[in-house]
PDB file of N, CA and C in Angstrom:
ATOM      1  N   UNK A   1     -13.181  17.717  48.629  1.00  0.00           N
ATOM      2  CA  UNK A   1     -11.865  17.834  49.221  1.00  0.00           C
ATOM      3  C   UNK A   1     -11.895  17.439  50.693  1.00  0.00           C
ATOM      4  N   UNK A   2     -12.881  16.676  51.088  1.00  0.00           N
ATOM      5  CA  UNK A   2     -12.967  16.189  52.451  1.00  0.00           C
ATOM      6  C   UNK A   2     -11.958  15.068  52.648  1.00  0.00           C
ATOM      7  N   UNK A   3     -11.239  15.146  53.755  1.00  0.00           N
ATOM      8  CA  UNK A   3     -10.207  14.158  54.032  1.00  0.00           C
ATOM      9  C   UNK A   3     -10.595  13.390  55.281  1.00  0.00           C
ATOM     10  N   UNK A   4     -10.509  12.078  55.240  1.00  0.00           N
ATOM     11  CA  UNK A   4     -10.870  11.248  56.369  1.00  0.00           C
ATOM     12  C   UNK A   4      -9.690  11.165  57.331  1.00  0.00           C
ATOM     13  N   UNK A   5      -9.924  11.534  58.579  1.00  0.00           N
ATOM     14  CA  UNK A   5      -8.873  11.475  59.593  1.00  0.00           C
ATOM     15  C   UNK A   5      -9.332  10.626  60.769  1.00  0.00           C
ATOM     16  N   UNK A   6     -10.142   9.620  60.502  1.00  0.00           N
ATOM     17  CA  UNK A   6     -10.672   8.759  61.551  1.00  0.00           C
ATOM     18  C   UNK A   6      -9.535   8.034  62.247  1.00  0.00           C
ATOM     19  N   UNK A   7      -9.646   7.927  63.556  1.00  0.00           N
ATOM     20  CA  UNK A   7      -8.654   7.200  64.330  1.00  0.00           C
ATOM     21  C   UNK A   7      -7.524   8.066  64.858  1.00  0.00           C
ATOM     22  N   UNK A   8      -7.488   9.336  64.493  1.00  0.00           N
ATOM     23  CA  UNK A   8      -6.442  10.216  64.993  1.00  0.00           C
ATOM     24  C   UNK A   8      -6.834  10.772  66.356  1.00  0.00           C
ATOM     25  N   UNK A   9      -5.842  10.962  67.210  1.00  0.00           N
ATOM     26  CA  UNK A   9      -6.105  11.651  68.468  1.00  0.00           C
ATOM     27  C   UNK A   9      -6.325  13.123  68.163  1.00  0.00           C
ATOM     28  N   UNK A  10      -6.779  13.872  69.154  1.00  0.00           N
ATOM     29  CA  UNK A  10      -6.982  15.303  68.952  1.00  0.00           C
ATOM     30  C   UNK A  10      -5.679  15.967  68.526  1.00  0.00           C
ATOM     31  N   UNK A  11      -4.596  15.647  69.215  1.00  0.00           N
ATOM     32  CA  UNK A  11      -3.287  16.243  68.896  1.00  0.00           C
ATOM     33  C   UNK A  11      -2.856  15.883  67.483  1.00  0.00           C
ATOM     34  N   UNK A  12      -3.016  14.626  67.093  1.00  0.00           N
ATOM     35  CA  UNK A  12      -2.647  14.200  65.738  1.00  0.00           C
ATOM     36  C   UNK A  12      -3.494  14.919  64.688  1.00  0.00           C
ATOM     37  N   UNK A  13      -4.768  15.111  64.993  1.00  0.00           N
ATOM     38  CA  UNK A  13      -5.654  15.810  64.077  1.00  0.00           C
ATOM     39  C   UNK A  13      -5.228  17.264  63.900  1.00  0.00           C
ATOM     40  N   UNK A  14      -4.882  17.931  65.011  1.00  0.00           N
ATOM     41  CA  UNK A  14      -4.413  19.319  64.937  1.00  0.00           C
ATOM     42  C   UNK A  14      -3.114  19.388  64.148  1.00  0.00           C
ATOM     43  N   UNK A  15      -2.169  18.500  64.446  1.00  0.00           N
ATOM     44  CA  UNK A  15      -0.901  18.467  63.707  1.00  0.00           C
ATOM     45  C   UNK A  15      -1.132  18.280  62.215  1.00  0.00           C
ATOM     46  N   UNK A  16      -2.056  17.418  61.876  1.00  0.00           N
ATOM     47  CA  UNK A  16      -2.370  17.156  60.470  1.00  0.00           C
ATOM     48  C   UNK A  16      -2.894  18.419  59.780  1.00  0.00           C
ATOM     49  N   UNK A  17      -3.814  19.109  60.435  1.00  0.00           N
ATOM     50  CA  UNK A  17      -4.376  20.327  59.840  1.00  0.00           C
ATOM     51  C   UNK A  17      -3.316  21.426  59.716  1.00  0.00           C
ATOM     52  N   UNK A  18      -2.458  21.560  60.731  1.00  0.00           N
ATOM     53  CA  UNK A  18      -1.397  22.570  60.680  1.00  0.00           C
ATOM     54  C   UNK A  18      -0.418  22.241  59.552  1.00  0.00           C
ATOM     55  N   UNK A  19      -0.055  20.975  59.423  1.00  0.00           N
ATOM     56  CA  UNK A  19       0.854  20.570  58.345  1.00  0.00           C
ATOM     57  C   UNK A  19       0.264  20.899  56.974  1.00  0.00           C
ATOM     58  N   UNK A  20      -1.022  20.662  56.807  1.00  0.00           N
ATOM     59  CA  UNK A  20      -1.673  20.980  55.530  1.00  0.00           C
ATOM     60  C   UNK A  20      -1.640  22.478  55.259  1.00  0.00           C
ATOM     61  N   UNK A  21      -1.923  23.292  56.283  1.00  0.00           N
ATOM     62  CA  UNK A  21      -1.911  24.748  56.116  1.00  0.00           C
ATOM     63  C   UNK A  21      -0.502  25.243  55.802  1.00  0.00           C
ATOM     64  N   UNK A  22       0.508  24.719  56.496  1.00  0.00           N
ATOM     65  CA  UNK A  22       1.887  25.137  56.252  1.00  0.00           C
ATOM     66  C   UNK A  22       2.339  24.748  54.846  1.00  0.00           C
ATOM     67  N   UNK A  23       1.897  23.595  54.369  1.00  0.00           N
ATOM     68  CA  UNK A  23       2.254  23.171  53.011  1.00  0.00           C
ATOM     69  C   UNK A  23       1.671  24.134  51.974  1.00  0.00           C
ATOM     70  N   UNK A  24       0.447  24.583  52.208  1.00  0.00           N
ATOM     71  CA  UNK A  24      -0.175  25.528  51.285  1.00  0.00           C
ATOM     72  C   UNK A  24       0.537  26.879  51.284  1.00  0.00           C
ATOM     73  N   UNK A  25       1.139  27.242  52.414  1.00  0.00           N
ATOM     74  CA  UNK A  25       1.828  28.521  52.524  1.00  0.00           C
ATOM     75  C   UNK A  25       3.216  28.478  51.886  1.00  0.00           C
ATOM     76  N   UNK A  26       3.715  27.293  51.608  1.00  0.00           N
ATOM     77  CA  UNK A  26       5.024  27.101  50.974  1.00  0.00           C
ATOM     78  C   UNK A  26       6.145  27.816  51.731  1.00  0.00           C
ATOM     79  N   UNK A  27       6.175  27.632  53.037  1.00  0.00           N
ATOM     80  CA  UNK A  27       7.213  28.225  53.881  1.00  0.00           C
ATOM     81  C   UNK A  27       8.467  27.364  53.857  1.00  0.00           C
ATOM     82  N   UNK A  28       9.580  27.988  54.196  1.00  0.00           N
ATOM     83  CA  UNK A  28      10.811  27.227  54.366  1.00  0.00           C
ATOM     84  C   UNK A  28      10.626  26.300  55.561  1.00  0.00           C
ATOM     85  N   UNK A  29      11.242  25.107  55.526  1.00  0.00           N
ATOM     86  CA  UNK A  29      11.052  24.147  56.631  1.00  0.00           C
ATOM     87  C   UNK A  29      11.403  24.717  58.004  1.00  0.00           C
ATOM     88  N   UNK A  30      12.451  25.525  58.098  1.00  0.00           N
ATOM     89  CA  UNK A  30      12.820  26.093  59.395  1.00  0.00           C
ATOM     90  C   UNK A  30      11.752  27.002  59.964  1.00  0.00           C
ATOM     91  N   UNK A  31      11.132  27.785  59.110  1.00  0.00           N
ATOM     92  CA  UNK A  31      10.061  28.683  59.562  1.00  0.00           C
ATOM     93  C   UNK A  31       8.838  27.874  59.966  1.00  0.00           C
ATOM     94  N   UNK A  32       8.517  26.865  59.190  1.00  0.00           N
ATOM     95  CA  UNK A  32       7.372  26.010  59.520  1.00  0.00           C
ATOM     96  C   UNK A  32       7.591  25.320  60.867  1.00  0.00           C
ATOM     97  N   UNK A  33       8.789  24.835  61.123  1.00  0.00           N
ATOM     98  CA  UNK A  33       9.079  24.181  62.402  1.00  0.00           C
ATOM     99  C   UNK A  33       9.000  25.166  63.557  1.00  0.00           C
ATOM    100  N   UNK A  34       9.442  26.398  63.339  1.00  0.00           N
ATOM    101  CA  UNK A  34       9.361  27.416  64.387  1.00  0.00           C
ATOM    102  C   UNK A  34       7.909  27.726  64.728  1.00  0.00           C
ATOM    103  N   UNK A  35       7.057  27.776  63.722  1.00  0.00           N
ATOM    104  CA  UNK A  35       5.633  28.040  63.957  1.00  0.00           C
ATOM    105  C   UNK A  35       4.991  26.885  64.714  1.00  0.00           C
ATOM    106  N   UNK A  36       5.367  25.662  64.378  1.00  0.00           N
ATOM    107  CA  UNK A  36       4.761  24.484  65.005  1.00  0.00           C
ATOM    108  C   UNK A  36       5.247  24.227  66.422  1.00  0.00           C
ATOM    109  N   UNK A  37       6.449  24.680  66.744  1.00  0.00           N
ATOM    110  CA  UNK A  37       7.001  24.341  68.054  1.00  0.00           C
ATOM    111  C   UNK A  37       6.182  24.989  69.165  1.00  0.00           C
ATOM    112  N   UNK A  38       6.055  24.267  70.242  1.00  0.00           N
ATOM    113  CA  UNK A  38       5.257  24.714  71.378  1.00  0.00           C
ATOM    114  C   UNK A  38       6.197  24.979  72.551  1.00  0.00           C
ATOM    115  N   UNK A  39       6.167  26.188  73.089  1.00  0.00           N
ATOM    116  CA  UNK A  39       7.046  26.559  74.191  1.00  0.00           C
ATOM    117  C   UNK A  39       6.608  25.909  75.497  1.00  0.00           C
ATOM    118  N   UNK A  40       5.321  25.935  75.767  1.00  0.00           N
ATOM    119  CA  UNK A  40       4.821  25.325  76.998  1.00  0.00           C
ATOM    120  C   UNK A  40       3.341  24.990  76.854  1.00  0.00           C
ATOM    121  N   UNK A  41       2.915  24.038  77.675  1.00  0.00           N
ATOM    122  CA  UNK A  41       1.506  23.643  77.696  1.00  0.00           C
ATOM    123  C   UNK A  41       1.054  23.604  79.151  1.00  0.00           C
ATOM    124  N   UNK A  42      -0.072  24.249  79.408  1.00  0.00           N
ATOM    125  CA  UNK A  42      -0.673  24.231  80.737  1.00  0.00           C
ATOM    126  C   UNK A  42      -1.917  23.358  80.667  1.00  0.00           C
ATOM    127  N   UNK A  43      -2.008  22.394  81.572  1.00  0.00           N
ATOM    128  CA  UNK A  43      -3.188  21.537  81.633  1.00  0.00           C
ATOM    129  C   UNK A  43      -3.854  21.735  82.982  1.00  0.00           C
ATOM    130  N   UNK A  44      -5.151  21.959  82.971  1.00  0.00           N
ATOM    131  CA  UNK A  44      -5.908  22.107  84.207  1.00  0.00           C
ATOM    132  C   UNK A  44      -7.088  21.142  84.188  1.00  0.00           C
ATOM    133  N   UNK A  45      -7.392  20.596  85.353  1.00  0.00           N
ATOM    134  CA  UNK A  45      -8.571  19.752  85.526  1.00  0.00           C
ATOM    135  C   UNK A  45      -9.355  20.305  86.701  1.00  0.00           C
ATOM    136  N   UNK A  46     -10.666  20.374  86.544  1.00  0.00           N
ATOM    137  CA  UNK A  46     -11.474  20.936  87.616  1.00  0.00           C
ATOM    138  C   UNK A  46     -12.832  20.241  87.663  1.00  0.00           C
ATOM    139  N   UNK A  47     -13.360  20.030  88.887  1.00  0.00           N
ATOM    140  CA  UNK A  47     -14.656  19.370  89.035  1.00  0.00           C
ATOM    141  C   UNK A  47     -15.805  20.374  88.898  1.00  0.00           C
ATOM    142  N   UNK A  48     -16.882  19.907  88.266  1.00  0.00           N
ATOM    143  CA  UNK A  48     -18.089  20.709  88.121  1.00  0.00           C
ATOM    144  C   UNK A  48     -19.271  19.812  88.462  1.00  0.00           C
ATOM    145  N   UNK A  49     -20.173  20.322  89.293  1.00  0.00           N
ATOM    146  CA  UNK A  49     -21.364  19.555  89.617  1.00  0.00           C
ATOM    147  C   UNK A  49     -22.470  19.918  88.635  1.00  0.00           C
ATOM    148  N   UNK A  50     -22.968  18.911  87.931  1.00  0.00           N
ATOM    149  CA  UNK A  50     -24.037  19.086  86.942  1.00  0.00           C
ATOM    150  C   UNK A  50     -25.154  18.115  87.289  1.00  0.00           C
ATOM    151  N   UNK A  51     -26.311  18.662  87.622  1.00  0.00           N
ATOM    152  CA  UNK A  51     -27.489  17.859  87.969  1.00  0.00           C
ATOM    153  C   UNK A  51     -27.187  16.821  89.051  1.00  0.00           C
ATOM    154  N   UNK A  52     -26.442  17.254  90.074  1.00  0.00           N
ATOM    155  CA  UNK A  52     -26.140  16.384  91.196  1.00  0.00           C
ATOM    156  C   UNK A  52     -24.997  15.410  90.976  1.00  0.00           C
ATOM    157  N   UNK A  53     -24.399  15.426  89.813  1.00  0.00           N
ATOM    158  CA  UNK A  53     -23.291  14.524  89.511  1.00  0.00           C
ATOM    159  C   UNK A  53     -22.035  15.353  89.240  1.00  0.00           C
ATOM    160  N   UNK A  54     -20.917  14.934  89.826  1.00  0.00           N
ATOM    161  CA  UNK A  54     -19.664  15.652  89.642  1.00  0.00           C
ATOM    162  C   UNK A  54     -18.940  15.112  88.409  1.00  0.00           C
ATOM    163  N   UNK A  55     -18.633  16.016  87.492  1.00  0.00           N
ATOM    164  CA  UNK A  55     -17.865  15.684  86.286  1.00  0.00           C
ATOM    165  C   UNK A  55     -16.546  16.441  86.356  1.00  0.00           C
ATOM    166  N   UNK A  56     -15.471  15.812  85.896  1.00  0.00           N
ATOM    167  CA  UNK A  56     -14.172  16.471  85.859  1.00  0.00           C
ATOM    168  C   UNK A  56     -13.878  16.873  84.418  1.00  0.00           C
ATOM    169  N   UNK A  57     -13.613  18.164  84.228  1.00  0.00           N
ATOM    170  CA  UNK A  57     -13.279  18.689  82.908  1.00  0.00           C
ATOM    171  C   UNK A  57     -11.787  19.003  82.864  1.00  0.00           C
ATOM    172  N   UNK A  58     -11.197  18.757  81.719  1.00  0.00           N
ATOM    173  CA  UNK A  58      -9.777  19.042  81.525  1.00  0.00           C
ATOM    174  C   UNK A  58      -9.647  20.032  80.382  1.00  0.00           C
ATOM    175  N   UNK A  59      -8.793  21.029  80.583  1.00  0.00           N
ATOM    176  CA  UNK A  59      -8.552  22.025  79.541  1.00  0.00           C
ATOM    177  C   UNK A  59      -7.062  22.229  79.353  1.00  0.00           C
ATOM    178  N   UNK A  60      -6.689  22.717  78.182  1.00  0.00           N
ATOM    179  CA  UNK A  60      -5.281  22.944  77.854  1.00  0.00           C
ATOM    180  C   UNK A  60      -5.105  24.329  77.263  1.00  0.00           C
ATOM    181  N   UNK A  61      -3.935  24.914  77.503  1.00  0.00           N
ATOM    182  CA  UNK A  61      -3.541  26.153  76.835  1.00  0.00           C
ATOM    183  C   UNK A  61      -2.096  25.973  76.398  1.00  0.00           C
ATOM    184  N   UNK A  62      -1.873  26.128  75.122  1.00  0.00           N
ATOM    185  CA  UNK A  62      -0.531  25.988  74.567  1.00  0.00           C
ATOM    186  C   UNK A  62       0.015  27.371  74.219  1.00  0.00           C
ATOM    187  N   UNK A  63       1.276  27.606  74.566  1.00  0.00           N
ATOM    188  CA  UNK A  63       1.952  28.849  74.220  1.00  0.00           C
ATOM    189  C   UNK A  63       2.976  28.519  73.143  1.00  0.00           C
ATOM    190  N   UNK A  64       2.841  29.179  72.002  1.00  0.00           N
ATOM    191  CA  UNK A  64       3.718  28.870  70.873  1.00  0.00           C
ATOM    192  C   UNK A  64       4.840  29.873  70.679  1.00  0.00           C
ATOM    193  N   UNK A  65       4.669  31.094  71.112  1.00  0.00           N
ATOM    194  CA  UNK A  65       5.703  32.096  70.851  1.00  0.00           C
ATOM    195  C   UNK A  65       5.712  33.151  71.946  1.00  0.00           C
ATOM    196  N   UNK A  66       6.456  32.893  72.995  1.00  0.00           N
ATOM    197  CA  UNK A  66       6.487  33.837  74.107  1.00  0.00           C
ATOM    198  C   UNK A  66       7.311  35.076  73.782  1.00  0.00           C
ATOM    199  N   UNK A  67       8.074  35.052  72.693  1.00  0.00           N
ATOM    200  CA  UNK A  67       8.904  36.204  72.356  1.00  0.00           C
ATOM    201  C   UNK A  67       8.099  37.346  71.744  1.00  0.00           C
ATOM    202  N   UNK A  68       6.873  37.106  71.352  1.00  0.00           N
ATOM    203  CA  UNK A  68       6.039  38.149  70.749  1.00  0.00           C
ATOM    204  C   UNK A  68       5.189  38.818  71.818  1.00  0.00           C
ATOM    205  N   UNK A  69       5.816  39.516  72.720  1.00  0.00           N
ATOM    206  CA  UNK A  69       5.105  40.147  73.815  1.00  0.00           C
ATOM    207  C   UNK A  69       4.935  41.630  73.542  1.00  0.00           C
ATOM    208  N   UNK A  70       4.023  42.346  74.115  1.00  0.00           N
ATOM    209  CA  UNK A  70       3.129  41.847  75.147  1.00  0.00           C
ATOM    210  C   UNK A  70       1.981  41.036  74.558  1.00  0.00           C
ATOM    211  N   UNK A  71       1.554  40.064  75.329  1.00  0.00           N
ATOM    212  CA  UNK A  71       0.410  39.251  74.933  1.00  0.00           C
ATOM    213  C   UNK A  71      -0.842  39.879  75.539  1.00  0.00           C
ATOM    214  N   UNK A  72      -1.963  39.749  74.857  1.00  0.00           N
ATOM    215  CA  UNK A  72      -3.182  40.354  75.386  1.00  0.00           C
ATOM    216  C   UNK A  72      -3.739  39.517  76.528  1.00  0.00           C
ATOM    217  N   UNK A  73      -4.506  40.167  77.374  1.00  0.00           N
ATOM    218  CA  UNK A  73      -5.143  39.486  78.487  1.00  0.00           C
ATOM    219  C   UNK A  73      -4.305  39.537  79.748  1.00  0.00           C
ATOM    220  N   UNK A  74      -4.840  38.998  80.813  1.00  0.00           N
ATOM    221  CA  UNK A  74      -4.107  38.925  82.060  1.00  0.00           C
ATOM    222  C   UNK A  74      -4.300  40.143  82.942  1.00  0.00           C
ATOM    223  N   UNK A  75      -3.841  40.018  84.170  1.00  0.00           N
ATOM    224  CA  UNK A  75      -4.043  41.071  85.164  1.00  0.00           C
ATOM    225  C   UNK A  75      -3.260  42.335  84.835  1.00  0.00           C
ATOM    226  N   UNK A  76      -2.057  42.208  84.290  1.00  0.00           N
ATOM    227  CA  UNK A  76      -1.241  43.391  84.014  1.00  0.00           C
ATOM    228  C   UNK A  76      -1.934  44.307  83.009  1.00  0.00           C
ATOM    229  N   UNK A  77      -2.491  43.747  81.965  1.00  0.00           N
ATOM    230  CA  UNK A  77      -3.186  44.546  80.972  1.00  0.00           C
ATOM    231  C   UNK A  77      -4.438  45.167  81.579  1.00  0.00           C
ATOM    232  N   UNK A  78      -5.139  44.413  82.413  1.00  0.00           N
ATOM    233  CA  UNK A  78      -6.347  44.935  83.041  1.00  0.00           C
ATOM    234  C   UNK A  78      -6.010  46.139  83.917  1.00  0.00           C
ATOM    235  N   UNK A  79      -4.921  46.068  84.678  1.00  0.00           N
ATOM    236  CA  UNK A  79      -4.526  47.196  85.520  1.00  0.00           C
ATOM    237  C   UNK A  79      -4.201  48.413  84.667  1.00  0.00           C
ATOM    238  N   UNK A  80      -3.531  48.212  83.533  1.00  0.00           N
ATOM    239  CA  UNK A  80      -3.227  49.334  82.653  1.00  0.00           C
ATOM    240  C   UNK A  80      -4.513  49.993  82.170  1.00  0.00           C
ATOM    241  N   UNK A  81      -5.471  49.210  81.795  1.00  0.00           N
ATOM    242  CA  UNK A  81      -6.743  49.758  81.315  1.00  0.00           C
ATOM    243  C   UNK A  81      -7.434  50.566  82.396  1.00  0.00           C
ATOM    244  N   UNK A  82      -7.453  50.038  83.605  1.00  0.00           N
ATOM    245  CA  UNK A  82      -8.152  50.739  84.691  1.00  0.00           C
ATOM    246  C   UNK A  82      -7.457  52.052  85.005  1.00  0.00           C
ATOM    247  N   UNK A  83      -6.127  52.040  85.046  1.00  0.00           N
ATOM    248  CA  UNK A  83      -5.430  53.268  85.405  1.00  0.00           C
ATOM    249  C   UNK A  83      -5.541  54.300  84.297  1.00  0.00           C
ATOM    250  N   UNK A  84      -5.651  53.855  83.054  1.00  0.00           N
ATOM    251  CA  UNK A  84      -5.787  54.784  81.941  1.00  0.00           C
ATOM    252  C   UNK A  84      -7.155  55.480  81.945  1.00  0.00           C
ATOM    253  N   UNK A  85      -8.141  54.793  82.505  1.00  0.00           N
ATOM    254  CA  UNK A  85      -9.485  55.370  82.548  1.00  0.00           C
ATOM    255  C   UNK A  85      -9.652  56.373  83.674  1.00  0.00           C
ATOM    256  N   UNK A  86      -8.741  56.339  84.583  1.00  0.00           N
ATOM    257  CA  UNK A  86      -8.854  57.335  85.625  1.00  0.00           C
ATOM    258  C   UNK A  86      -8.740  56.754  86.952  1.00  0.00           C
TER     259      UNK A  86
END
């Protein structure tokens, strides 16, 4: 059941895998589109020196559903944990 996806960009490959998973779940099209929609994307690039050579790395974080809060992580949650401990 291996499927060849040669030539796809990373985004196209992810979309392809998500589409396959949604098809297996047999969701209504509106629900599937809501799951796939992306609210925002943050892209960061930062330099790192490795063995005397500077390489630039790029990373992404996609937010798909900001309405399902609170989200884990972040400074606010950390402060709650610290204050709860004493």
